[in-house]
N, C-alpha and C. Protein backbone atom coordinates (compact mmCIF):
# COMPACT_ATOMS: atom_id res chain seq x y z
N MET A 1 285.50 274.57 194.89
CA MET A 1 284.77 275.81 195.06
C MET A 1 283.56 275.80 194.13
N ASP A 2 282.50 276.37 194.58
CA ASP A 2 281.25 276.42 193.82
C ASP A 2 281.37 277.46 192.70
N THR A 3 281.20 277.05 191.46
CA THR A 3 281.34 277.98 190.33
C THR A 3 280.16 278.92 190.20
N ASP A 4 279.00 278.55 190.77
CA ASP A 4 277.83 279.42 190.70
C ASP A 4 277.91 280.56 191.71
N ASN A 5 278.63 280.36 192.79
CA ASN A 5 278.73 281.36 193.84
C ASN A 5 280.19 281.54 194.22
N PRO A 6 280.96 282.34 193.46
CA PRO A 6 282.38 282.49 193.76
C PRO A 6 282.60 283.23 195.07
N HIS A 7 283.79 283.05 195.61
CA HIS A 7 284.17 283.73 196.85
C HIS A 7 284.15 285.24 196.62
N PRO A 8 283.63 286.02 197.59
CA PRO A 8 283.52 287.47 197.38
C PRO A 8 284.86 288.16 197.13
N LEU A 9 285.96 287.64 197.69
CA LEU A 9 287.26 288.28 197.47
C LEU A 9 287.87 287.92 196.12
N ALA A 10 287.30 286.93 195.46
CA ALA A 10 287.81 286.53 194.15
C ALA A 10 286.91 287.00 193.01
N ALA A 11 285.77 287.59 193.34
CA ALA A 11 284.84 288.05 192.31
C ALA A 11 285.37 289.34 191.69
N PRO A 12 285.54 289.39 190.39
CA PRO A 12 286.08 290.61 189.77
C PRO A 12 285.09 291.77 189.82
N GLN A 13 285.62 292.95 190.04
CA GLN A 13 284.87 294.19 190.00
C GLN A 13 285.30 294.92 188.74
N ALA A 14 284.39 295.66 188.13
CA ALA A 14 284.72 296.35 186.88
C ALA A 14 284.26 297.79 186.96
N ALA A 15 285.00 298.67 186.29
CA ALA A 15 284.63 300.08 186.19
C ALA A 15 285.00 300.56 184.79
N ARG A 16 284.20 301.45 184.26
CA ARG A 16 284.44 302.01 182.93
C ARG A 16 284.24 303.51 183.00
N SER A 17 285.08 304.25 182.30
CA SER A 17 284.91 305.70 182.26
C SER A 17 285.26 306.21 180.88
N ALA A 18 284.67 307.36 180.55
CA ALA A 18 284.95 308.00 179.27
C ALA A 18 284.98 309.51 179.49
N ILE A 19 285.96 310.15 178.87
CA ILE A 19 286.09 311.61 178.92
C ILE A 19 286.04 312.10 177.49
N ARG A 20 285.17 313.03 177.23
CA ARG A 20 285.02 313.59 175.89
C ARG A 20 285.21 315.10 175.97
N ILE A 21 286.12 315.61 175.16
CA ILE A 21 286.35 317.04 175.06
C ILE A 21 286.11 317.43 173.61
N GLY A 22 285.04 318.15 173.38
CA GLY A 22 284.71 318.53 172.01
C GLY A 22 284.27 317.32 171.21
N ASP A 23 284.46 317.41 169.89
CA ASP A 23 284.05 316.31 169.00
C ASP A 23 285.20 315.37 168.65
N ARG A 24 286.43 315.79 168.88
CA ARG A 24 287.57 315.03 168.38
C ARG A 24 288.36 314.28 169.44
N PHE A 25 288.28 314.69 170.68
CA PHE A 25 289.14 314.11 171.72
C PHE A 25 288.30 313.26 172.66
N VAL A 26 288.55 311.96 172.68
CA VAL A 26 287.82 311.03 173.54
C VAL A 26 288.82 310.08 174.19
N ILE A 27 288.70 309.94 175.48
CA ILE A 27 289.51 308.95 176.22
C ILE A 27 288.54 307.99 176.89
N GLU A 28 288.71 306.72 176.63
CA GLU A 28 287.90 305.69 177.27
C GLU A 28 288.81 304.71 178.00
N SER A 29 288.37 304.27 179.16
CA SER A 29 289.17 303.29 179.90
C SER A 29 288.24 302.31 180.60
N GLU A 30 288.77 301.13 180.82
CA GLU A 30 288.03 300.09 181.54
C GLU A 30 289.04 299.33 182.39
N VAL A 31 288.65 299.01 183.59
CA VAL A 31 289.54 298.27 184.48
C VAL A 31 288.73 297.19 185.18
N ARG A 32 289.37 296.04 185.38
CA ARG A 32 288.77 294.94 186.13
C ARG A 32 289.79 294.46 187.15
N ALA A 33 289.36 294.30 188.38
CA ALA A 33 290.26 293.82 189.43
C ALA A 33 289.43 293.13 190.51
N THR A 34 290.07 292.24 191.21
CA THR A 34 289.43 291.59 192.36
C THR A 34 289.78 292.39 193.61
N PRO A 35 289.01 292.25 194.67
CA PRO A 35 289.37 292.94 195.91
C PRO A 35 290.76 292.56 196.42
N LEU A 36 291.17 291.32 196.24
CA LEU A 36 292.53 290.93 196.65
C LEU A 36 293.57 291.62 195.78
N GLY A 37 293.27 291.80 194.49
CA GLY A 37 294.17 292.54 193.61
C GLY A 37 294.29 293.99 194.03
N LEU A 38 293.17 294.61 194.42
CA LEU A 38 293.22 295.99 194.90
C LEU A 38 294.04 296.10 196.18
N LEU A 39 293.93 295.10 197.04
CA LEU A 39 294.74 295.08 198.26
C LEU A 39 296.23 295.00 197.93
N ALA A 40 296.57 294.17 196.94
CA ALA A 40 297.97 294.05 196.52
C ALA A 40 298.47 295.36 195.93
N ILE A 41 297.65 296.02 195.11
CA ILE A 41 298.04 297.31 194.53
C ILE A 41 298.24 298.34 195.64
N GLY A 42 297.35 298.35 196.62
CA GLY A 42 297.50 299.28 197.76
C GLY A 42 298.78 299.02 198.52
N GLY A 43 299.14 297.76 198.71
CA GLY A 43 300.39 297.43 199.39
C GLY A 43 301.61 297.91 198.61
N LEU A 44 301.58 297.76 197.29
CA LEU A 44 302.70 298.24 196.47
C LEU A 44 302.82 299.76 196.53
N VAL A 45 301.70 300.46 196.45
CA VAL A 45 301.73 301.93 196.53
C VAL A 45 302.25 302.37 197.89
N ALA A 46 301.80 301.73 198.96
CA ALA A 46 302.28 302.07 200.30
C ALA A 46 303.78 301.84 200.42
N ALA A 47 304.27 300.74 199.88
CA ALA A 47 305.72 300.47 199.94
C ALA A 47 306.51 301.53 199.18
N ILE A 48 306.01 301.95 198.04
CA ILE A 48 306.70 303.00 197.27
C ILE A 48 306.71 304.30 198.05
N LEU A 49 305.56 304.69 198.59
CA LEU A 49 305.49 305.95 199.33
C LEU A 49 306.34 305.92 200.59
N LEU A 50 306.42 304.79 201.26
CA LEU A 50 307.24 304.69 202.47
C LEU A 50 308.73 304.63 202.15
N SER A 51 309.11 304.28 200.92
CA SER A 51 310.53 304.21 200.58
C SER A 51 311.09 305.55 200.12
N VAL A 52 310.23 306.51 199.80
CA VAL A 52 310.72 307.80 199.29
C VAL A 52 311.47 308.61 200.36
N PRO A 53 310.94 308.80 201.58
CA PRO A 53 311.67 309.63 202.56
C PRO A 53 313.09 309.15 202.88
N PRO A 54 313.35 307.85 203.06
CA PRO A 54 314.74 307.44 203.31
C PRO A 54 315.66 307.73 202.12
N ILE A 55 315.14 307.62 200.91
CA ILE A 55 315.96 307.92 199.73
C ILE A 55 316.31 309.40 199.69
N VAL A 56 315.32 310.26 199.96
CA VAL A 56 315.57 311.71 199.97
C VAL A 56 316.53 312.07 201.10
N ARG A 57 316.35 311.46 202.26
CA ARG A 57 317.23 311.73 203.40
C ARG A 57 318.67 311.31 203.09
N ALA A 58 318.84 310.17 202.44
CA ALA A 58 320.18 309.71 202.09
C ALA A 58 320.82 310.64 201.06
N LYS A 59 320.05 311.13 200.13
CA LYS A 59 320.59 312.07 199.13
C LYS A 59 321.03 313.36 199.80
N ARG A 60 320.23 313.87 200.74
CA ARG A 60 320.61 315.11 201.43
C ARG A 60 321.85 314.90 202.29
N ALA A 61 321.98 313.74 202.91
CA ALA A 61 323.15 313.47 203.75
C ALA A 61 324.41 313.36 202.90
N ALA A 62 324.29 312.83 201.70
CA ALA A 62 325.45 312.69 200.83
C ALA A 62 325.90 314.04 200.28
N ARG A 63 324.99 314.98 200.19
CA ARG A 63 325.30 316.31 199.65
C ARG A 63 326.03 317.17 200.67
N GLY A 64 325.89 316.88 201.93
CA GLY A 64 326.52 317.68 202.96
C GLY A 64 325.49 318.55 203.65
N PRO A 65 325.93 319.29 204.66
CA PRO A 65 324.98 320.12 205.40
C PRO A 65 324.47 321.28 204.53
N ALA A 66 323.25 321.70 204.83
CA ALA A 66 322.66 322.82 204.10
C ALA A 66 323.38 324.11 204.47
N PRO A 67 323.49 325.05 203.54
CA PRO A 67 324.16 326.32 203.86
C PRO A 67 323.34 327.12 204.87
N ARG A 68 324.04 327.89 205.69
CA ARG A 68 323.38 328.71 206.70
C ARG A 68 322.81 329.94 206.05
N LEU A 69 321.66 330.36 206.51
CA LEU A 69 320.98 331.50 205.94
C LEU A 69 321.12 332.78 206.78
N ASP A 70 321.85 332.73 207.91
CA ASP A 70 321.95 333.89 208.77
C ASP A 70 323.17 334.77 208.46
N GLY A 71 323.82 334.54 207.36
CA GLY A 71 324.94 335.40 206.94
C GLY A 71 326.28 334.81 207.28
N PRO A 72 327.35 335.53 206.90
CA PRO A 72 328.71 335.02 207.17
C PRO A 72 329.03 335.04 208.66
N GLU A 73 329.85 334.09 209.03
CA GLU A 73 330.27 334.04 210.44
C GLU A 73 331.38 335.05 210.67
N SER A 74 331.36 335.68 211.86
CA SER A 74 332.39 336.68 212.17
C SER A 74 333.41 336.16 213.11
């Protein structure tokens, strides 16, 4: 691979941010990632979000049916 012209998907992207509140509180952050790394992070987030509903559904099924809200049966 040519070191002068790296592949666009392997070229690192960088971002920096700073939040200042008053004179005493400062938060600074910097992140570097490649587009392929961002794709991998997106895949992990999607897998986590897609795994939550089955877990919640299984927990509700183990608890039993929800109580009825229309009052006692006669």
